[in-house]
């Protein structure tokens, strides 16, 4: 039942009242009081009406949360969805994925001259790459990694240093950075093969901090806190996106007028193509023995050992692939920004990517895309509410987790069974006629 009785209403009201009272007390220094510059002096002004509105909002929100919890509890006792319902859900997911792909393809056509939109879309794709990489480790293999930003940093610094100090091009640095990041993933994965759960999370968190401190203190190589600047932009077959000059350029070769949006659109299209290839690669790997081994290890590692699966190699492969994708994303980040420093690779970035995987639904490729769009675009849309930007961001995350505790696409089933479900009827028919 989703409608409570008299006693249920009393419990709901008491719980919501306590939440509103806590918000009222805790909100005094954050909302009720504010400092204003008056003639060069700071004065404390009160905003009790705003505090009251916030308390009422918390009260109403708590009531809605209780109602959602009761609704979810009531739905747990219902029968599992039929194959027809599951097939319809797959069709909806396919339709949403096709729509998202179409929007990504036509975006540079309509917004080619709007650098803000194209740059924001490129940032979304970078976090999609990071989310897919971490999804291999967390969502498929079931290994909690809190230091994923380390591979992101390895890829970015590999490209930045090779390009600025040795003159390597973007296209040469891309596979090299992926290889360095994969090596870092194996280096991280090998000594902690026997760790699980909280212990694994602590070790990966420490690894991420070690990489950040190395980048911060190895000033001879990484320039320390000053970072690496003047990182070259990617070119097309050696043709830079620059005004026509003594050297051949993209605009000069095609005989068109140079425009600044050529470079931004080109970088967006390159990372879009790489993201699509990454998605195809991960989907194919999930249907291969290594992908099924990831999912089996996620469900029960002891059973995998009993079946003779080499858990060591399975873990190392998951870390290596996830780190490679993180390294690719780091290369695009460095190419997009033109400047990187250790401050760009803090634990907050790892938490952000992990939130994308969890909110999207562990193991779901499309869920990572949707969560990346929400978590990247929401702060951008909240710039007009700069004072309450992070509050709105946190409220949105809490709302998603209450509404969909398992993520936006929380269905978690084995890839092998879902891949063969459509052909099970034909298989049974062949067995009956044999």
Protein backbone atom coordinates (compact mmCIF):
# COMPACT_ATOMS: atom_id res chain seq x y z
CA UNK A 1 0.00 0.00 0.00
CA UNK A 2 1.20 3.51 -0.80
CA UNK A 3 -1.47 5.37 1.22
CA UNK A 4 -0.81 5.15 4.99
CA UNK A 5 -3.40 4.76 7.71
CA UNK A 6 -3.83 7.12 10.64
CA UNK A 7 -0.81 5.80 12.52
CA UNK A 8 1.23 5.84 9.32
CA UNK A 9 0.33 9.49 8.73
CA UNK A 10 1.44 10.34 12.26
CA UNK A 11 4.81 8.65 11.72
CA UNK A 12 5.22 10.39 8.38
CA UNK A 13 4.41 13.81 9.85
CA UNK A 14 6.70 13.27 12.84
CA UNK A 15 9.58 12.18 10.60
CA UNK A 16 9.08 15.10 8.20
CA UNK A 17 8.78 17.52 11.13
CA UNK A 18 12.10 16.36 12.58
CA UNK A 19 13.75 16.75 9.16
CA UNK A 20 12.34 20.26 8.81
CA UNK A 21 13.51 21.17 12.33
CA UNK A 22 17.02 19.92 11.55
CA UNK A 23 17.03 21.93 8.33
CA UNK A 24 15.81 24.97 10.25
CA UNK A 25 18.66 24.75 12.75
CA UNK A 26 21.41 23.84 10.29
CA UNK A 27 20.24 26.41 7.78
CA UNK A 28 20.68 29.40 10.11
CA UNK A 29 24.37 30.04 9.26
CA UNK A 30 23.94 29.07 5.60
CA UNK A 31 20.61 30.64 4.64
CA UNK A 32 19.27 32.68 7.56
CA UNK A 33 22.39 34.84 7.94
CA UNK A 34 24.41 36.56 5.23
CA UNK A 35 27.11 39.19 5.10
CA UNK A 36 26.70 42.35 3.02
CA UNK A 37 29.37 44.91 2.16
CA UNK A 38 28.10 48.31 3.35
CA UNK A 39 30.54 51.17 2.91
CA UNK A 40 33.58 48.91 3.07
CA UNK A 41 32.33 47.15 6.20
CA UNK A 42 30.67 43.77 6.48
CA UNK A 43 27.25 43.70 8.10
CA UNK A 44 25.22 40.65 9.00
CA UNK A 45 21.74 40.60 7.51
CA UNK A 46 19.00 38.08 8.18
CA UNK A 47 16.89 36.15 5.70
CA UNK A 48 14.38 34.38 7.93
CA UNK A 49 11.77 34.15 5.18
CA UNK A 50 14.19 32.22 2.98
CA UNK A 51 15.01 29.93 5.88
CA UNK A 52 11.32 29.25 6.47
CA UNK A 53 10.81 28.44 2.79
CA UNK A 54 13.74 26.02 2.93
CA UNK A 55 12.31 24.28 6.01
CA UNK A 56 8.90 23.92 4.32
CA UNK A 57 10.61 22.51 1.22
CA UNK A 58 12.47 19.97 3.34
CA UNK A 59 9.22 18.98 5.07
CA UNK A 60 7.45 18.45 1.75
CA UNK A 61 10.45 16.66 0.27
CA UNK A 62 10.65 14.29 3.22
CA UNK A 63 6.98 13.41 2.80
CA UNK A 64 7.58 12.67 -0.89
CA UNK A 65 10.60 10.52 -0.02
CA UNK A 66 8.58 8.46 2.46
CA UNK A 67 5.87 7.97 -0.13
CA UNK A 68 8.45 6.79 -2.68
CA UNK A 69 9.94 4.37 -0.17
CA UNK A 70 6.54 2.90 0.64
CA UNK A 71 5.74 2.58 -3.05
CA UNK A 72 9.01 0.81 -3.70
CA UNK A 73 8.44 -1.53 -0.74
CA UNK A 74 4.99 -2.41 -2.04
CA UNK A 75 6.33 -3.10 -5.53
CA UNK A 76 8.93 -5.57 -4.23
CA UNK A 77 6.28 -8.16 -3.55
CA UNK A 78 4.94 -8.10 -7.09
CA UNK A 79 5.85 -10.72 -9.64
CA UNK A 80 8.89 -10.30 -11.82
CA UNK A 81 8.26 -8.64 -15.16
CA UNK A 82 7.32 -10.93 -18.02
CA UNK A 83 9.60 -11.46 -21.05
CA UNK A 84 7.26 -9.22 -23.05
CA UNK A 85 7.77 -6.36 -20.59
CA UNK A 86 11.53 -6.94 -20.64
CA UNK A 87 11.51 -6.88 -24.44
CA UNK A 88 9.58 -3.61 -24.42
CA UNK A 89 12.10 -2.14 -21.97
CA UNK A 90 14.93 -3.17 -24.31
CA UNK A 91 13.14 -1.47 -27.19
CA UNK A 92 12.77 1.72 -25.17
CA UNK A 93 16.47 1.61 -24.25
CA UNK A 94 17.40 1.11 -27.90
CA UNK A 95 15.19 4.01 -28.94
CA UNK A 96 16.69 6.31 -26.30
CA UNK A 97 20.19 5.30 -27.37
CA UNK A 98 19.44 5.95 -31.04
CA UNK A 99 17.93 9.35 -30.17
CA UNK A 100 20.99 10.30 -28.11
CA UNK A 101 23.29 9.25 -30.96
CA UNK A 102 21.28 11.29 -33.45
CA UNK A 103 21.43 14.35 -31.20
CA UNK A 104 25.19 13.95 -30.82
CA UNK A 105 25.66 13.73 -34.60
CA UNK A 106 23.55 16.77 -35.48
CA UNK A 107 24.77 18.97 -32.62
CA UNK A 108 27.79 20.42 -34.51
CA UNK A 109 25.52 21.20 -37.48
CA UNK A 110 23.24 23.51 -35.51
CA UNK A 111 25.74 24.85 -32.95
CA UNK A 112 29.00 24.87 -34.90
CA UNK A 113 29.55 28.59 -34.22
CA UNK A 114 28.62 28.37 -30.52
CA UNK A 115 31.85 27.39 -28.80
CA UNK A 116 30.24 27.14 -25.37
CA UNK A 117 27.78 24.44 -26.52
CA UNK A 118 30.41 22.46 -28.43
CA UNK A 119 32.93 22.66 -25.56
CA UNK A 120 30.29 21.54 -23.07
CA UNK A 121 29.33 18.62 -25.32
CA UNK A 122 33.02 17.68 -25.59
CA UNK A 123 33.28 17.72 -21.79
CA UNK A 124 30.24 15.43 -21.59
CA UNK A 125 31.91 12.98 -23.99
CA UNK A 126 35.13 13.06 -21.94
CA UNK A 127 33.16 12.07 -18.84
CA UNK A 128 31.31 9.43 -20.87
CA UNK A 129 34.70 7.92 -21.77
CA UNK A 130 35.75 8.05 -18.12
CA UNK A 131 32.43 6.55 -17.03
CA UNK A 132 32.69 3.68 -19.50
CA UNK A 133 36.23 2.96 -18.38
CA UNK A 134 35.29 2.87 -14.71
CA UNK A 135 32.13 0.93 -15.57
CA UNK A 136 34.33 -1.94 -16.76
CA UNK A 137 36.05 -2.03 -13.36
CA UNK A 138 33.11 -1.29 -11.07
CA UNK A 139 30.01 -2.24 -13.05
CA UNK A 140 31.23 -5.36 -14.84
CA UNK A 141 34.10 -6.71 -12.71
CA UNK A 142 32.67 -5.51 -9.36
CA UNK A 143 35.94 -3.89 -8.17
CA UNK A 144 35.49 -0.63 -6.28
CA UNK A 145 38.06 1.89 -7.56
CA UNK A 146 38.30 5.28 -5.82
CA UNK A 147 41.53 6.34 -7.53
CA UNK A 148 40.45 6.22 -11.15
CA UNK A 149 41.57 9.81 -11.66
CA UNK A 150 45.17 8.51 -11.60
CA UNK A 151 44.79 6.94 -15.06
CA UNK A 152 43.09 10.11 -16.28
CA UNK A 153 46.15 12.06 -15.11
CA UNK A 154 48.62 9.59 -16.64
CA UNK A 155 46.98 9.95 -20.05
CA UNK A 156 46.84 13.74 -19.87
CA UNK A 157 50.44 14.20 -18.73
CA UNK A 158 51.75 11.64 -21.22
CA UNK A 159 50.29 13.61 -24.10
CA UNK A 160 51.27 16.99 -22.65
CA UNK A 161 54.91 16.05 -22.03
CA UNK A 162 55.45 14.13 -25.27
CA UNK A 163 53.84 16.88 -27.31
CA UNK A 164 55.57 19.85 -25.68
CA UNK A 165 59.04 18.39 -25.04
CA UNK A 166 59.48 15.86 -27.85
CA UNK A 167 57.17 17.18 -30.55
CA UNK A 168 54.95 14.11 -30.77
CA UNK A 169 51.66 14.60 -32.59
CA UNK A 170 48.23 14.01 -31.07
CA UNK A 171 47.70 10.83 -33.06
CA UNK A 172 50.98 9.29 -31.93
CA UNK A 173 50.37 10.25 -28.32
CA UNK A 174 46.87 8.75 -28.18
CA UNK A 175 47.93 5.06 -28.28
CA UNK A 176 51.08 5.76 -26.26
CA UNK A 177 49.06 7.43 -23.51
CA UNK A 178 46.62 4.51 -23.53
CA UNK A 179 49.53 2.08 -23.17
CA UNK A 180 51.05 4.05 -20.27
CA UNK A 181 47.67 4.19 -18.53
CA UNK A 182 47.17 0.44 -19.05
CA UNK A 183 50.59 -0.21 -17.54
CA UNK A 184 49.59 1.92 -14.55
CA UNK A 185 46.37 -0.12 -14.27
CA UNK A 186 48.31 -3.39 -14.21
CA UNK A 187 50.78 -1.88 -11.73
CA UNK A 188 47.86 -0.98 -9.47
CA UNK A 189 45.98 -4.22 -9.93
CA UNK A 190 48.77 -6.71 -9.38
CA UNK A 191 49.68 -6.02 -5.72
CA UNK A 192 46.07 -5.89 -4.54
CA UNK A 193 44.66 -9.02 -6.16
CA UNK A 194 43.59 -10.45 -2.81
CA UNK A 195 41.83 -7.32 -1.59
CA UNK A 196 38.09 -6.77 -1.81
CA UNK A 197 35.48 -4.27 -0.74
CA UNK A 198 36.57 -1.51 1.61
CA UNK A 199 40.24 -2.54 1.60
CA UNK A 200 40.35 -2.39 -2.20
CA UNK A 201 38.72 1.05 -2.15
CA UNK A 202 41.31 2.35 0.36
CA UNK A 203 44.25 1.07 -1.71
CA UNK A 204 42.92 2.57 -4.95
CA UNK A 205 42.27 5.86 -3.17
CA UNK A 206 45.86 5.88 -1.96
CA UNK A 207 47.13 5.13 -5.47
CA UNK A 208 45.25 8.11 -6.86
CA UNK A 209 46.74 10.38 -4.22
CA UNK A 210 50.24 9.01 -4.88
CA UNK A 211 49.97 9.89 -8.56
CA UNK A 212 48.75 13.41 -7.70
CA UNK A 213 51.59 13.98 -5.25
CA UNK A 214 54.16 12.70 -7.76
CA UNK A 215 52.83 15.14 -10.35
CA UNK A 216 52.93 17.91 -7.77
CA UNK A 217 56.47 17.30 -6.51
CA UNK A 218 58.38 15.99 -9.53
CA UNK A 219 58.96 19.51 -10.79
CA UNK A 220 61.82 18.57 -13.17
CA UNK A 221 59.42 16.54 -15.30
CA UNK A 222 55.89 17.74 -14.61
CA UNK A 223 56.65 21.39 -13.68
CA UNK A 224 54.92 20.78 -10.35
CA UNK A 225 52.05 23.11 -9.41
CA UNK A 226 52.79 25.32 -12.43
CA UNK A 227 51.50 22.57 -14.69
CA UNK A 228 52.13 22.14 -18.41
CA UNK A 229 50.98 24.89 -20.76
CA UNK A 230 50.97 25.53 -24.51
CA UNK A 231 49.82 21.98 -25.24
CA UNK A 232 49.41 21.68 -29.03
CA UNK A 233 45.99 21.04 -30.50
CA UNK A 234 45.25 18.01 -32.68
CA UNK A 235 45.62 18.40 -36.42
CA UNK A 236 44.07 16.67 -39.43
CA UNK A 237 46.71 14.77 -41.41
CA UNK A 238 49.32 17.25 -40.22
CA UNK A 239 47.24 20.29 -41.18
CA UNK A 240 46.75 22.56 -38.15
CA UNK A 241 43.56 24.49 -37.59
CA UNK A 242 45.11 27.95 -37.79
CA UNK A 243 44.92 31.05 -40.01
CA UNK A 244 46.61 30.65 -43.41
CA UNK A 245 50.32 31.41 -43.27
CA UNK A 246 53.66 30.16 -44.50
CA UNK A 247 52.87 26.55 -43.50
CA UNK A 248 49.93 24.60 -44.96
CA UNK A 249 46.79 24.75 -42.86
CA UNK A 250 43.39 23.09 -42.94
CA UNK A 251 41.59 26.22 -44.14
CA UNK A 252 44.28 27.05 -46.69
CA UNK A 253 44.31 23.53 -48.14
CA UNK A 254 40.54 23.55 -48.65
CA UNK A 255 40.52 27.15 -49.84
CA UNK A 256 38.02 28.31 -47.22
CA UNK A 257 38.04 31.16 -44.76
CA UNK A 258 39.53 30.25 -41.38
CA UNK A 259 37.14 30.12 -38.43
CA UNK A 260 37.88 29.37 -34.78
CA UNK A 261 35.10 26.79 -34.61
CA UNK A 262 36.96 24.44 -37.00
CA UNK A 263 39.19 23.18 -34.19
CA UNK A 264 36.46 22.82 -31.55
CA UNK A 265 34.11 20.94 -33.88
CA UNK A 266 36.95 18.70 -35.09
CA UNK A 267 37.92 17.76 -31.52
CA UNK A 268 34.27 17.07 -30.71
CA UNK A 269 33.88 14.79 -33.74
CA UNK A 270 37.10 12.92 -32.94
CA UNK A 271 36.11 12.13 -29.37
CA UNK A 272 32.59 11.23 -30.54
CA UNK A 273 34.00 8.68 -32.98
CA UNK A 274 36.35 7.29 -30.33
CA UNK A 275 33.47 7.06 -27.84
CA UNK A 276 31.37 5.11 -30.36
CA UNK A 277 34.27 2.73 -31.03
CA UNK A 278 34.76 2.32 -27.29
CA UNK A 279 31.09 1.46 -26.83
CA UNK A 280 31.25 -1.15 -29.59
CA UNK A 281 34.44 -2.61 -28.09
CA UNK A 282 32.98 -2.94 -24.59
CA UNK A 283 29.72 -4.43 -25.86
CA UNK A 284 31.65 -7.01 -27.89
CA UNK A 285 33.94 -7.85 -24.97
CA UNK A 286 30.94 -8.43 -22.72
CA UNK A 287 29.85 -11.27 -25.01
CA UNK A 288 33.30 -12.84 -25.15
CA UNK A 289 34.64 -15.20 -22.46
CA UNK A 290 36.59 -12.37 -20.79
CA UNK A 291 33.45 -10.27 -20.45
CA UNK A 292 31.45 -13.17 -19.03
CA UNK A 293 34.33 -13.79 -16.61
CA UNK A 294 34.08 -10.16 -15.43
CA UNK A 295 30.39 -10.53 -14.70
CA UNK A 296 30.87 -13.93 -13.04
CA UNK A 297 33.57 -12.50 -10.78
CA UNK A 298 31.27 -9.61 -9.93
CA UNK A 299 28.59 -12.01 -8.76
CA UNK A 300 30.76 -14.55 -6.88
CA UNK A 301 34.56 -14.58 -6.93
CA UNK A 302 34.82 -17.80 -4.91
CA UNK A 303 32.60 -19.65 -7.38
CA UNK A 304 34.80 -18.39 -10.21
CA UNK A 305 37.87 -19.87 -8.55
CA UNK A 306 36.02 -23.15 -8.05
CA UNK A 307 35.20 -23.24 -11.76
CA UNK A 308 38.87 -22.80 -12.67
CA UNK A 309 38.72 -19.18 -13.80
CA UNK A 310 42.03 -17.36 -13.42
CA UNK A 311 40.79 -14.51 -11.24
CA UNK A 312 44.19 -12.81 -11.34
CA UNK A 313 44.15 -12.36 -15.11
CA UNK A 314 40.48 -11.36 -15.07
CA UNK A 315 41.12 -8.57 -12.56
CA UNK A 316 44.22 -7.34 -14.38
CA UNK A 317 42.37 -7.27 -17.71
CA UNK A 318 39.55 -5.20 -16.17
CA UNK A 319 41.98 -2.73 -14.63
CA UNK A 320 44.03 -2.52 -17.84
CA UNK A 321 41.03 -1.84 -20.10
CA UNK A 322 39.47 0.64 -17.69
CA UNK A 323 42.79 2.45 -17.30
CA UNK A 324 43.27 2.59 -21.08
CA UNK A 325 39.93 4.30 -21.58
CA UNK A 326 40.76 6.71 -18.76
CA UNK A 327 44.08 7.50 -20.46
CA UNK A 328 42.32 8.25 -23.74
CA UNK A 329 39.97 10.63 -21.94
CA UNK A 330 42.99 12.33 -20.34
CA UNK A 331 44.53 12.96 -23.78
CA UNK A 332 41.35 14.67 -24.97
CA UNK A 333 41.17 16.71 -21.78
CA UNK A 334 44.72 17.99 -22.26
CA UNK A 335 44.09 18.72 -25.95
CA UNK A 336 40.87 20.58 -25.16
CA UNK A 337 42.23 22.67 -22.29
CA UNK A 338 45.72 23.38 -23.62
CA UNK A 339 46.90 23.50 -19.98
CA UNK A 340 46.92 20.91 -17.20
CA UNK A 341 48.09 20.90 -13.59
CA UNK A 342 47.82 18.50 -10.63
CA UNK A 343 44.82 20.48 -9.38
CA UNK A 344 42.80 19.06 -12.28
CA UNK A 345 43.17 15.48 -10.98
CA UNK A 346 41.97 15.49 -7.41
CA UNK A 347 39.80 12.95 -5.59
CA UNK A 348 36.74 15.02 -6.51
CA UNK A 349 37.18 13.89 -10.12
CA UNK A 350 37.23 10.23 -9.08
CA UNK A 351 34.11 10.80 -7.00
CA UNK A 352 32.45 12.49 -9.96
CA UNK A 353 33.17 9.58 -12.31
CA UNK A 354 32.09 7.04 -9.70
CA UNK A 355 28.85 8.99 -9.22
CA UNK A 356 28.26 8.81 -12.98
CA UNK A 357 28.63 5.02 -12.92
CA UNK A 358 26.46 4.54 -9.83
CA UNK A 359 23.72 7.00 -10.80
CA UNK A 360 23.62 5.65 -14.34
CA UNK A 361 23.37 2.06 -13.17
CA UNK A 362 26.39 -0.19 -12.67
CA UNK A 363 27.05 -2.16 -15.83
CA UNK A 364 24.81 -0.03 -18.07
CA UNK A 365 26.48 1.68 -21.01
CA UNK A 366 23.51 3.93 -21.81
CA UNK A 367 23.04 4.70 -18.12
CA UNK A 368 26.57 6.13 -17.98
CA UNK A 369 25.72 8.44 -20.90
CA UNK A 370 22.53 9.68 -19.25
CA UNK A 371 24.23 10.20 -15.87
CA UNK A 372 27.14 12.05 -17.49
CA UNK A 373 24.70 14.39 -19.21
CA UNK A 374 22.89 15.04 -15.93
CA UNK A 375 25.96 15.56 -13.74
CA UNK A 376 27.86 17.68 -16.26
CA UNK A 377 25.00 19.77 -17.61
CA UNK A 378 23.25 20.37 -14.29
CA UNK A 379 26.04 22.54 -12.80
CA UNK A 380 26.22 24.43 -16.11
CA UNK A 381 22.50 25.14 -16.01
CA UNK A 382 22.85 26.26 -12.40
CA UNK A 383 25.36 29.03 -13.07
CA UNK A 384 22.59 31.60 -12.64
CA UNK A 385 22.17 30.29 -9.08
CA UNK A 386 25.87 30.38 -8.25
CA UNK A 387 25.25 30.78 -4.53
CA UNK A 388 23.16 27.60 -4.39
CA UNK A 389 24.73 25.77 -7.29
CA UNK A 390 26.19 22.87 -5.30
CA UNK A 391 23.06 22.65 -3.17
CA UNK A 392 20.97 22.13 -6.30
CA UNK A 393 23.52 19.64 -7.58
CA UNK A 394 23.38 17.61 -4.36
CA UNK A 395 19.58 17.76 -4.26
CA UNK A 396 19.42 16.39 -7.81
CA UNK A 397 21.73 13.50 -6.90
CA UNK A 398 19.68 12.65 -3.81
CA UNK A 399 16.49 12.80 -5.87
CA UNK A 400 17.88 10.40 -8.46
CA UNK A 401 19.01 7.91 -5.82
CA UNK A 402 15.63 8.05 -4.09
CA UNK A 403 13.70 7.72 -7.32
CA UNK A 404 16.00 5.08 -8.84
CA UNK A 405 18.14 3.52 -6.06
CA UNK A 406 19.89 1.23 -8.52
CA UNK A 407 20.62 3.98 -11.03
CA UNK A 408 18.80 5.47 -14.00
CA UNK A 409 19.03 2.12 -15.80
CA UNK A 410 19.25 -0.25 -12.86
CA UNK A 411 18.46 -3.55 -14.56
CA UNK A 412 21.42 -5.81 -13.79
CA UNK A 413 21.49 -9.14 -15.57
CA UNK A 414 24.07 -11.32 -17.27
CA UNK A 415 24.99 -10.28 -20.80
CA UNK A 416 25.00 -13.88 -22.03
CA UNK A 417 21.41 -14.56 -21.00
CA UNK A 418 20.14 -11.28 -22.44
CA UNK A 419 22.02 -11.84 -25.67
CA UNK A 420 20.54 -15.29 -26.15
CA UNK A 421 17.06 -14.64 -24.88
CA UNK A 422 15.79 -13.67 -28.30
CA UNK A 423 17.06 -16.88 -29.83
CA UNK A 424 15.89 -19.25 -27.09
CA UNK A 425 12.61 -20.09 -28.85
CA UNK A 426 14.39 -20.98 -32.09
CA UNK A 427 16.91 -23.07 -30.13
CA UNK A 428 14.14 -25.02 -28.41
CA UNK A 429 12.41 -25.60 -31.73
CA UNK A 430 15.62 -26.99 -33.27
CA UNK A 431 16.13 -29.29 -30.26
CA UNK A 432 12.54 -30.56 -30.54
CA UNK A 433 12.90 -31.37 -34.25
CA UNK A 434 16.33 -32.97 -33.83
